[in-house]
C-alpha atoms as a PDB file:
ATOM      1  CA  UNK A   1       0.007   0.022   0.041  1.00  0.00           C
ATOM      2  CA  UNK A   2       1.354   3.400  -0.996  1.00  0.00           C
ATOM      3  CA  UNK A   3       0.338   5.862   1.697  1.00  0.00           C
ATOM      4  CA  UNK A   4       1.193   9.510   1.426  1.00  0.00           C
ATOM      5  CA  UNK A   5       0.619  12.314   3.876  1.00  0.00           C
ATOM      6  CA  UNK A   6       0.085  15.810   2.419  1.00  0.00           C
ATOM      7  CA  UNK A   7      -0.348  19.296   3.798  1.00  0.00           C
ATOM      8  CA  UNK A   8      -2.110  22.277   2.268  1.00  0.00           C
ATOM      9  CA  UNK A   9      -2.125  25.741   3.888  1.00  0.00           C
ATOM     10  CA  UNK A  10      -4.359  28.709   4.476  1.00  0.00           C
ATOM     11  CA  UNK A  11      -1.995  31.620   5.118  1.00  0.00           C
ATOM     12  CA  UNK A  12      -2.759  35.202   6.047  1.00  0.00           C
ATOM     13  CA  UNK A  13      -0.095  36.938   3.991  1.00  0.00           C
ATOM     14  CA  UNK A  14       0.392  40.685   3.612  1.00  0.00           C
ATOM     15  CA  UNK A  15       1.506  42.366   0.365  1.00  0.00           C
ATOM     16  CA  UNK A  16       5.131  43.394   0.648  1.00  0.00           C
ATOM     17  CA  UNK A  17       5.445  42.292   4.325  1.00  0.00           C
ATOM     18  CA  UNK A  18       8.379  39.872   3.651  1.00  0.00           C
ATOM     19  CA  UNK A  19       9.217  39.257   7.327  1.00  0.00           C
ATOM     20  CA  UNK A  20       5.646  38.383   8.260  1.00  0.00           C
ATOM     21  CA  UNK A  21       5.146  36.248   5.126  1.00  0.00           C
ATOM     22  CA  UNK A  22       8.405  34.333   5.662  1.00  0.00           C
ATOM     23  CA  UNK A  23       7.574  33.602   9.225  1.00  0.00           C
ATOM     24  CA  UNK A  24       4.145  32.251   8.297  1.00  0.00           C
ATOM     25  CA  UNK A  25       5.673  30.071   5.550  1.00  0.00           C
ATOM     26  CA  UNK A  26       8.308  28.675   7.972  1.00  0.00           C
ATOM     27  CA  UNK A  27       5.691  27.954  10.683  1.00  0.00           C
ATOM     28  CA  UNK A  28       3.425  26.265   8.135  1.00  0.00           C
ATOM     29  CA  UNK A  29       6.271  24.001   6.977  1.00  0.00           C
ATOM     30  CA  UNK A  30       7.057  23.134  10.620  1.00  0.00           C
ATOM     31  CA  UNK A  31       3.469  22.225  11.383  1.00  0.00           C
ATOM     32  CA  UNK A  32       3.324  20.137   8.212  1.00  0.00           C
ATOM     33  CA  UNK A  33       6.454  18.226   9.125  1.00  0.00           C
ATOM     34  CA  UNK A  34       5.196  17.677  12.661  1.00  0.00           C
ATOM     35  CA  UNK A  35       2.064  16.148  11.238  1.00  0.00           C
ATOM     36  CA  UNK A  36       4.212  13.750   9.206  1.00  0.00           C
ATOM     37  CA  UNK A  37       3.492  15.281   5.782  1.00  0.00           C
ATOM     38  CA  UNK A  38       6.017  14.830   3.006  1.00  0.00           C
ATOM     39  CA  UNK A  39       4.391  17.437   0.668  1.00  0.00           C
ATOM     40  CA  UNK A  40       3.625  20.995   1.716  1.00  0.00           C
ATOM     41  CA  UNK A  41       1.720  23.396  -0.547  1.00  0.00           C
ATOM     42  CA  UNK A  42       1.350  27.128   0.075  1.00  0.00           C
ATOM     43  CA  UNK A  43      -0.771  29.826  -1.588  1.00  0.00           C
ATOM     44  CA  UNK A  44       0.048  31.568  -4.829  1.00  0.00           C
ATOM     45  CA  UNK A  45       2.765  34.341  -4.585  1.00  0.00           C
ATOM     46  CA  UNK A  46       2.921  33.589  -0.830  1.00  0.00           C
ATOM     47  CA  UNK A  47       6.357  35.208  -0.274  1.00  0.00           C
ATOM     48  CA  UNK A  48       5.400  38.607  -1.643  1.00  0.00           C
ATOM     49  CA  UNK A  49       1.656  38.474  -1.053  1.00  0.00           C
ATOM     50  CA  UNK A  50      -0.762  38.268  -3.937  1.00  0.00           C
ATOM     51  CA  UNK A  51      -1.944  41.862  -4.007  1.00  0.00           C
ATOM     52  CA  UNK A  52       1.304  43.708  -4.615  1.00  0.00           C
ATOM     53  CA  UNK A  53      -0.049  45.274  -7.785  1.00  0.00           C
ATOM     54  CA  UNK A  54       2.553  47.569  -9.513  1.00  0.00           C
ATOM     55  CA  UNK A  55       5.147  46.655  -6.866  1.00  0.00           C
ATOM     56  CA  UNK A  56       5.584  43.462  -8.906  1.00  0.00           C
ATOM     57  CA  UNK A  57       7.268  45.644 -11.505  1.00  0.00           C
ATOM     58  CA  UNK A  58       9.972  46.760  -9.045  1.00  0.00           C
ATOM     59  CA  UNK A  59      13.180  44.789  -8.911  1.00  0.00           C
ATOM     60  CA  UNK A  60      13.311  45.050  -5.091  1.00  0.00           C
ATOM     61  CA  UNK A  61      10.151  42.956  -4.898  1.00  0.00           C
ATOM     62  CA  UNK A  62      11.776  40.171  -6.933  1.00  0.00           C
ATOM     63  CA  UNK A  63      15.136  40.443  -5.066  1.00  0.00           C
ATOM     64  CA  UNK A  64      13.485  40.291  -1.590  1.00  0.00           C
ATOM     65  CA  UNK A  65      11.552  37.230  -2.734  1.00  0.00           C
ATOM     66  CA  UNK A  66      14.822  35.476  -3.530  1.00  0.00           C
ATOM     67  CA  UNK A  67      16.193  36.503  -0.172  1.00  0.00           C
ATOM     68  CA  UNK A  68      13.278  34.928   1.626  1.00  0.00           C
ATOM     69  CA  UNK A  69      13.595  31.752  -0.395  1.00  0.00           C
ATOM     70  CA  UNK A  70      17.306  31.581   0.366  1.00  0.00           C
ATOM     71  CA  UNK A  71      16.542  31.742   4.095  1.00  0.00           C
ATOM     72  CA  UNK A  72      14.173  28.810   3.738  1.00  0.00           C
ATOM     73  CA  UNK A  73      16.630  26.768   1.746  1.00  0.00           C
ATOM     74  CA  UNK A  74      19.698  27.215   3.916  1.00  0.00           C
ATOM     75  CA  UNK A  75      17.846  26.059   7.034  1.00  0.00           C
ATOM     76  CA  UNK A  76      16.304  22.698   7.700  1.00  0.00           C
ATOM     77  CA  UNK A  77      12.796  23.638   6.518  1.00  0.00           C
ATOM     78  CA  UNK A  78      12.835  21.604   3.350  1.00  0.00           C
ATOM     79  CA  UNK A  79      14.668  18.521   4.823  1.00  0.00           C
ATOM     80  CA  UNK A  80      12.513  15.502   4.012  1.00  0.00           C
ATOM     81  CA  UNK A  81       9.555  17.413   2.668  1.00  0.00           C
ATOM     82  CA  UNK A  82       8.670  18.715  -0.854  1.00  0.00           C
ATOM     83  CA  UNK A  83       7.663  22.376  -0.526  1.00  0.00           C
ATOM     84  CA  UNK A  84       5.924  24.339  -3.225  1.00  0.00           C
ATOM     85  CA  UNK A  85       6.550  28.035  -2.604  1.00  0.00           C
ATOM     86  CA  UNK A  86       4.948  30.833  -4.579  1.00  0.00           C
ATOM     87  CA  UNK A  87       6.970  33.856  -5.758  1.00  0.00           C
ATOM     88  CA  UNK A  88       7.572  36.096  -8.804  1.00  0.00           C
ATOM     89  CA  UNK A  89      10.631  35.281 -10.928  1.00  0.00           C
ATOM     90  CA  UNK A  90      12.342  37.136 -13.735  1.00  0.00           C
ATOM     91  CA  UNK A  91      13.659  35.148 -16.610  1.00  0.00           C
ATOM     92  CA  UNK A  92      15.249  37.174 -19.403  1.00  0.00           C
ATOM     93  CA  UNK A  93      13.323  40.431 -19.354  1.00  0.00           C
ATOM     94  CA  UNK A  94       9.970  38.923 -18.400  1.00  0.00           C
ATOM     95  CA  UNK A  95       8.261  38.376 -15.039  1.00  0.00           C
ATOM     96  CA  UNK A  96       6.561  35.099 -14.288  1.00  0.00           C
ATOM     97  CA  UNK A  97       4.220  34.027 -11.504  1.00  0.00           C
ATOM     98  CA  UNK A  98       5.953  30.841 -10.330  1.00  0.00           C
ATOM     99  CA  UNK A  99       5.814  27.889  -7.993  1.00  0.00           C
ATOM    100  CA  UNK A 100       9.338  26.986  -6.835  1.00  0.00           C
ATOM    101  CA  UNK A 101       9.558  23.315  -5.873  1.00  0.00           C
ATOM    102  CA  UNK A 102      12.106  22.684  -3.189  1.00  0.00           C
ATOM    103  CA  UNK A 103      13.318  19.534  -1.493  1.00  0.00           C
ATOM    104  CA  UNK A 104      16.267  18.767   0.845  1.00  0.00           C
ATOM    105  CA  UNK A 105      17.707  22.303   0.594  1.00  0.00           C
ATOM    106  CA  UNK A 106      17.704  22.252  -3.199  1.00  0.00           C
ATOM    107  CA  UNK A 107      15.482  23.862  -5.835  1.00  0.00           C
ATOM    108  CA  UNK A 108      14.109  20.890  -7.900  1.00  0.00           C
ATOM    109  CA  UNK A 109      12.332  23.001 -10.527  1.00  0.00           C
ATOM    110  CA  UNK A 110      10.557  26.314 -11.191  1.00  0.00           C
ATOM    111  CA  UNK A 111       7.094  26.088 -12.601  1.00  0.00           C
ATOM    112  CA  UNK A 112       5.775  29.330 -14.239  1.00  0.00           C
ATOM    113  CA  UNK A 113       2.124  29.911 -14.541  1.00  0.00           C
ATOM    114  CA  UNK A 114       0.787  29.284 -18.049  1.00  0.00           C
ATOM    115  CA  UNK A 115      -2.736  30.834 -17.913  1.00  0.00           C
ATOM    116  CA  UNK A 116      -3.034  34.164 -16.135  1.00  0.00           C
ATOM    117  CA  UNK A 117      -6.144  35.475 -14.359  1.00  0.00           C
ATOM    118  CA  UNK A 118      -7.160  38.617 -16.180  1.00  0.00           C
ATOM    119  CA  UNK A 119     -10.846  39.062 -15.595  1.00  0.00           C
ATOM    120  CA  UNK A 120     -13.052  40.539 -12.932  1.00  0.00           C
ATOM    121  CA  UNK A 121     -10.840  41.709 -10.101  1.00  0.00           C
ATOM    122  CA  UNK A 122      -7.648  40.170 -11.606  1.00  0.00           C
ATOM    123  CA  UNK A 123      -5.056  41.929 -13.682  1.00  0.00           C
ATOM    124  CA  UNK A 124      -2.176  39.453 -13.851  1.00  0.00           C
ATOM    125  CA  UNK A 125      -1.286  40.312 -17.465  1.00  0.00           C
ATOM    126  CA  UNK A 126      -0.324  43.764 -16.312  1.00  0.00           C
ATOM    127  CA  UNK A 127       2.563  42.357 -14.241  1.00  0.00           C
ATOM    128  CA  UNK A 128       3.357  38.856 -15.536  1.00  0.00           C
ATOM    129  CA  UNK A 129       3.927  36.983 -18.824  1.00  0.00           C
ATOM    130  CA  UNK A 130       2.248  33.633 -19.363  1.00  0.00           C
ATOM    131  CA  UNK A 131       4.601  30.734 -20.036  1.00  0.00           C
ATOM    132  CA  UNK A 132       3.683  29.175 -23.394  1.00  0.00           C
ATOM    133  CA  UNK A 133       6.457  26.620 -24.071  1.00  0.00           C
ATOM    134  CA  UNK A 134       4.671  23.392 -23.112  1.00  0.00           C
ATOM    135  CA  UNK A 135       7.027  21.151 -25.002  1.00  0.00           C
ATOM    136  CA  UNK A 136      10.222  21.853 -23.128  1.00  0.00           C
ATOM    137  CA  UNK A 137      12.032  22.587 -19.848  1.00  0.00           C
ATOM    138  CA  UNK A 138      14.738  25.190 -20.067  1.00  0.00           C
ATOM    139  CA  UNK A 139      17.709  26.008 -17.816  1.00  0.00           C
ATOM    140  CA  UNK A 140      17.237  28.877 -15.416  1.00  0.00           C
ATOM    141  CA  UNK A 141      20.385  30.549 -14.069  1.00  0.00           C
ATOM    142  CA  UNK A 142      19.947  31.165 -10.359  1.00  0.00           C
ATOM    143  CA  UNK A 143      20.930  34.520  -8.919  1.00  0.00           C
ATOM    144  CA  UNK A 144      24.543  34.339  -7.709  1.00  0.00           C
ATOM    145  CA  UNK A 145      23.731  34.612  -4.000  1.00  0.00           C
ATOM    146  CA  UNK A 146      21.225  31.759  -4.219  1.00  0.00           C
ATOM    147  CA  UNK A 147      23.579  29.680  -6.419  1.00  0.00           C
ATOM    148  CA  UNK A 148      26.360  29.999  -3.836  1.00  0.00           C
ATOM    149  CA  UNK A 149      24.009  29.214  -0.929  1.00  0.00           C
ATOM    150  CA  UNK A 150      22.471  26.015  -2.388  1.00  0.00           C
ATOM    151  CA  UNK A 151      25.428  24.933  -4.554  1.00  0.00           C
ATOM    152  CA  UNK A 152      23.287  24.993  -7.708  1.00  0.00           C
ATOM    153  CA  UNK A 153      23.981  27.023 -10.811  1.00  0.00           C
ATOM    154  CA  UNK A 154      20.858  26.330 -12.791  1.00  0.00           C
ATOM    155  CA  UNK A 155      17.564  24.552 -12.365  1.00  0.00           C
ATOM    156  CA  UNK A 156      14.830  23.352 -14.773  1.00  0.00           C
ATOM    157  CA  UNK A 157      12.238  26.043 -15.612  1.00  0.00           C
ATOM    158  CA  UNK A 158       8.929  25.450 -17.412  1.00  0.00           C
ATOM    159  CA  UNK A 159       6.059  22.954 -17.628  1.00  0.00           C
ATOM    160  CA  UNK A 160       6.893  19.548 -16.213  1.00  0.00           C
ATOM    161  CA  UNK A 161       6.424  17.219 -13.297  1.00  0.00           C
ATOM    162  CA  UNK A 162       8.522  15.449 -10.613  1.00  0.00           C
ATOM    163  CA  UNK A 163       8.972  11.736 -10.810  1.00  0.00           C
ATOM    164  CA  UNK A 164       9.756  10.002  -7.488  1.00  0.00           C
ATOM    165  CA  UNK A 165      10.294   6.331  -6.843  1.00  0.00           C
ATOM    166  CA  UNK A 166       6.686   5.648  -5.941  1.00  0.00           C
ATOM    167  CA  UNK A 167       4.630   8.466  -7.552  1.00  0.00           C
ATOM    168  CA  UNK A 168       4.750  11.601  -9.672  1.00  0.00           C
ATOM    169  CA  UNK A 169       3.849  15.118  -8.541  1.00  0.00           C
ATOM    170  CA  UNK A 170       2.994  18.270 -10.586  1.00  0.00           C
ATOM    171  CA  UNK A 171       1.779  21.869 -10.032  1.00  0.00           C
ATOM    172  CA  UNK A 172      -1.342  23.345 -11.599  1.00  0.00           C
ATOM    173  CA  UNK A 173      -1.515  27.045 -10.689  1.00  0.00           C
ATOM    174  CA  UNK A 174      -4.876  28.620  -9.817  1.00  0.00           C
ATOM    175  CA  UNK A 175      -6.462  29.815 -13.070  1.00  0.00           C
ATOM    176  CA  UNK A 176      -5.030  26.808 -15.053  1.00  0.00           C
ATOM    177  CA  UNK A 177      -7.666  24.545 -13.464  1.00  0.00           C
ATOM    178  CA  UNK A 178     -10.419  26.560 -15.202  1.00  0.00           C
ATOM    179  CA  UNK A 179      -9.054  26.544 -18.764  1.00  0.00           C
ATOM    180  CA  UNK A 180     -10.459  24.556 -21.641  1.00  0.00           C
ATOM    181  CA  UNK A 181      -7.699  22.042 -21.518  1.00  0.00           C
ATOM    182  CA  UNK A 182      -6.317  22.105 -17.936  1.00  0.00           C
ATOM    183  CA  UNK A 183      -2.813  20.763 -17.370  1.00  0.00           C
ATOM    184  CA  UNK A 184      -4.060  18.037 -14.991  1.00  0.00           C
ATOM    185  CA  UNK A 185      -5.820  16.245 -17.882  1.00  0.00           C
ATOM    186  CA  UNK A 186      -2.570  15.723 -19.775  1.00  0.00           C
ATOM    187  CA  UNK A 187      -0.459  15.164 -16.626  1.00  0.00           C
ATOM    188  CA  UNK A 188      -2.770  12.416 -15.380  1.00  0.00           C
ATOM    189  CA  UNK A 189      -2.304  10.534 -18.674  1.00  0.00           C
ATOM    190  CA  UNK A 190       1.401  10.743 -18.105  1.00  0.00           C
ATOM    191  CA  UNK A 191       1.199   9.087 -14.664  1.00  0.00           C
ATOM    192  CA  UNK A 192       1.006  12.136 -12.411  1.00  0.00           C
ATOM    193  CA  UNK A 193      -1.010  11.193  -9.268  1.00  0.00           C
ATOM    194  CA  UNK A 194      -0.638  14.310  -7.029  1.00  0.00           C
ATOM    195  CA  UNK A 195      -1.586  17.778  -8.270  1.00  0.00           C
ATOM    196  CA  UNK A 196      -0.692  20.862  -6.320  1.00  0.00           C
ATOM    197  CA  UNK A 197      -2.851  23.998  -6.917  1.00  0.00           C
ATOM    198  CA  UNK A 198      -1.564  27.162  -5.295  1.00  0.00           C
ATOM    199  CA  UNK A 199      -4.207  29.958  -5.540  1.00  0.00           C
ATOM    200  CA  UNK A 200      -4.953  33.450  -4.555  1.00  0.00           C
ATOM    201  CA  UNK A 201      -8.720  33.272  -4.771  1.00  0.00           C
ATOM    202  CA  UNK A 202     -10.962  36.001  -3.282  1.00  0.00           C
ATOM    203  CA  UNK A 203     -14.348  35.428  -1.652  1.00  0.00           C
ATOM    204  CA  UNK A 204     -17.401  35.669  -3.740  1.00  0.00           C
ATOM    205  CA  UNK A 205     -20.820  34.244  -3.223  1.00  0.00           C
ATOM    206  CA  UNK A 206     -20.974  30.551  -4.292  1.00  0.00           C
ATOM    207  CA  UNK A 207     -17.410  30.647  -5.611  1.00  0.00           C
ATOM    208  CA  UNK A 208     -16.389  27.955  -3.137  1.00  0.00           C
ATOM    209  CA  UNK A 209     -18.947  25.623  -4.732  1.00  0.00           C
ATOM    210  CA  UNK A 210     -17.431  26.296  -8.188  1.00  0.00           C
ATOM    211  CA  UNK A 211     -13.943  25.477  -6.866  1.00  0.00           C
ATOM    212  CA  UNK A 212     -15.022  22.278  -5.159  1.00  0.00           C
ATOM    213  CA  UNK A 213     -16.843  21.040  -8.217  1.00  0.00           C
ATOM    214  CA  UNK A 214     -13.691  21.734 -10.334  1.00  0.00           C
ATOM    215  CA  UNK A 215     -11.483  19.759  -7.880  1.00  0.00           C
ATOM    216  CA  UNK A 216     -13.953  16.882  -7.752  1.00  0.00           C
ATOM    217  CA  UNK A 217     -14.346  16.876 -11.516  1.00  0.00           C
ATOM    218  CA  UNK A 218     -10.598  16.846 -12.046  1.00  0.00           C
ATOM    219  CA  UNK A 219     -10.194  13.607 -10.062  1.00  0.00           C
ATOM    220  CA  UNK A 220     -13.598  11.835 -10.332  1.00  0.00           C
ATOM    221  CA  UNK A 221     -12.808   9.927 -13.558  1.00  0.00           C
ATOM    222  CA  UNK A 222      -9.094  10.528 -14.005  1.00  0.00           C
ATOM    223  CA  UNK A 223      -8.282   9.701 -10.459  1.00  0.00           C
ATOM    224  CA  UNK A 224      -5.722  11.619  -8.447  1.00  0.00           C
ATOM    225  CA  UNK A 225      -4.891  13.571  -5.327  1.00  0.00           C
ATOM    226  CA  UNK A 226      -5.735  17.241  -5.767  1.00  0.00           C
ATOM    227  CA  UNK A 227      -4.282  19.641  -3.210  1.00  0.00           C
ATOM    228  CA  UNK A 228      -5.555  23.202  -3.057  1.00  0.00           C
ATOM    229  CA  UNK A 229      -3.973  26.001  -1.017  1.00  0.00           C
ATOM    230  CA  UNK A 230      -5.317  29.541  -0.755  1.00  0.00           C
ATOM    231  CA  UNK A 231      -4.502  32.845   0.969  1.00  0.00           C
ATOM    232  CA  UNK A 232      -6.896  34.018   3.689  1.00  0.00           C
ATOM    233  CA  UNK A 233      -7.768  37.451   4.935  1.00  0.00           C
ATOM    234  CA  UNK A 234      -7.120  40.819   3.255  1.00  0.00           C
ATOM    235  CA  UNK A 235      -3.522  41.432   2.204  1.00  0.00           C
ATOM    236  CA  UNK A 236      -3.750  45.171   1.862  1.00  0.00           C
ATOM    237  CA  UNK A 237      -5.878  45.610  -1.229  1.00  0.00           C
ATOM    238  CA  UNK A 238      -9.672  45.488  -1.621  1.00  0.00           C
ATOM    239  CA  UNK A 239      -9.997  41.732  -1.884  1.00  0.00           C
ATOM    240  CA  UNK A 240     -10.752  39.229   0.809  1.00  0.00           C
ATOM    241  CA  UNK A 241      -9.286  35.783   0.389  1.00  0.00           C
ATOM    242  CA  UNK A 242     -11.383  33.015   1.975  1.00  0.00           C
ATOM    243  CA  UNK A 243      -9.010  30.159   2.567  1.00  0.00           C
ATOM    244  CA  UNK A 244     -10.762  26.772   2.351  1.00  0.00           C
ATOM    245  CA  UNK A 245      -7.541  24.826   1.508  1.00  0.00           C
ATOM    246  CA  UNK A 246      -8.475  21.233   0.861  1.00  0.00           C
ATOM    247  CA  UNK A 247      -7.391  17.799  -0.309  1.00  0.00           C
ATOM    248  CA  UNK A 248      -9.581  15.882  -2.811  1.00  0.00           C
ATOM    249  CA  UNK A 249      -8.945  12.199  -3.668  1.00  0.00           C
ATOM    250  CA  UNK A 250     -10.765  10.448  -6.573  1.00  0.00           C
ATOM    251  CA  UNK A 251     -13.637  12.946  -6.529  1.00  0.00           C
ATOM    252  CA  UNK A 252     -14.070  12.972  -2.759  1.00  0.00           C
ATOM    253  CA  UNK A 253     -13.137  15.819  -0.404  1.00  0.00           C
ATOM    254  CA  UNK A 254     -11.117  14.156   2.360  1.00  0.00           C
ATOM    255  CA  UNK A 255      -9.912  17.303   4.148  1.00  0.00           C
ATOM    256  CA  UNK A 256     -10.914  20.964   4.131  1.00  0.00           C
ATOM    257  CA  UNK A 257      -9.805  24.044   6.053  1.00  0.00           C
ATOM    258  CA  UNK A 258     -11.983  26.888   7.366  1.00  0.00           C
ATOM    259  CA  UNK A 259     -13.357  29.647   5.223  1.00  0.00           C
ATOM    260  CA  UNK A 260     -13.145  32.684   7.397  1.00  0.00           C
ATOM    261  CA  UNK A 261     -10.626  31.917  10.040  1.00  0.00           C
ATOM    262  CA  UNK A 262      -8.818  34.669  12.028  1.00  0.00           C
ATOM    263  CA  UNK A 263      -5.707  32.455  12.377  1.00  0.00           C
ATOM    264  CA  UNK A 264      -2.681  33.483  10.428  1.00  0.00           C
ATOM    265  CA  UNK A 265      -1.679  29.859   9.735  1.00  0.00           C
ATOM    266  CA  UNK A 266      -3.867  26.918   9.191  1.00  0.00           C
ATOM    267  CA  UNK A 267      -2.443  23.639   7.928  1.00  0.00           C
ATOM    268  CA  UNK A 268      -4.791  20.975   6.589  1.00  0.00           C
ATOM    269  CA  UNK A 269      -3.320  17.468   6.394  1.00  0.00           C
ATOM    270  CA  UNK A 270      -4.595  14.223   4.941  1.00  0.00           C
ATOM    271  CA  UNK A 271      -3.172  10.713   4.541  1.00  0.00           C
ATOM    272  CA  UNK A 272      -4.062   9.406   1.105  1.00  0.00           C
ATOM    273  CA  UNK A 273      -3.809   6.023  -0.559  1.00  0.00           C
ATOM    274  CA  UNK A 274      -2.108   6.244  -3.926  1.00  0.00           C
ATOM    275  CA  UNK A 275      -3.059   2.671  -4.752  1.00  0.00           C
ATOM    276  CA  UNK A 276      -6.734   3.801  -4.699  1.00  0.00           C
ATOM    277  CA  UNK A 277      -5.746   6.308  -7.486  1.00  0.00           C
ATOM    278  CA  UNK A 278      -4.123   3.579  -9.541  1.00  0.00           C
ATOM    279  CA  UNK A 279      -7.146   1.308  -9.110  1.00  0.00           C
ATOM    280  CA  UNK A 280      -9.589   3.961 -10.339  1.00  0.00           C
ATOM    281  CA  UNK A 281      -7.491   4.720 -13.375  1.00  0.00           C
ATOM    282  CA  UNK A 282      -7.233   1.024 -14.173  1.00  0.00           C
ATOM    283  CA  UNK A 283     -10.990   0.955 -14.733  1.00  0.00           C
ATOM    284  CA  UNK A 284     -10.681   3.250 -17.732  1.00  0.00           C
ATOM    285  CA  UNK A 285      -7.690   1.708 -19.418  1.00  0.00           C
END
């Protein structure tokens, strides 16, 4: 039996409050490890906060993000646990909304967001570029201070997944779930069993039901473990993020966090059976 314990987080992050955000991330990782989890997922852009608006265009915002990630990597935070950390990254002359996947004090890969939220209250295309190269992973040269600290010069950057001895894990960032051909559909056919969705989703009447139906639909027939993490509270702008981090397995919600908690940190854990995912997928072969 392949059992896996995962942790998804509701975090009350503040735009541009790097010290507070870093402390919340560290504490959430600590709680996840204490619960025995081997995967920890945090909200979208959790290091900077989601609502930085035009501050995303300032180099200091990017540089401070790397400084925070460096502090996480040089400590023991990522020892024995795969951590997905959200932050903005510049590659070439373009800014990307990224999930940085870290394990055992190393950066395993950087996954840029491919579909940006640009309707309603969202204006991601103002600050970020969508990654469109689905057919390749490219080398990303790490900033010199990071490279020296983690003894890595470059890491894979792009659309891909992580293959471990007993399973495969991939990121699907927020808006990508709601696109006509969401990444999880292709990834599931390539053997990915665990999907990590880092989001910055604000509260709206009946929006939670829309989310849950999407998670359930993503795993009901394809099978899989779908992890969802969200920011909670108001990070300084006019949006209120409502948390509700959850874990869905084969179309069933097995763990869910609170919607309007006043806690800065809430870690939702679940032990899942990967063999149940393989069994469901075997039905449709």
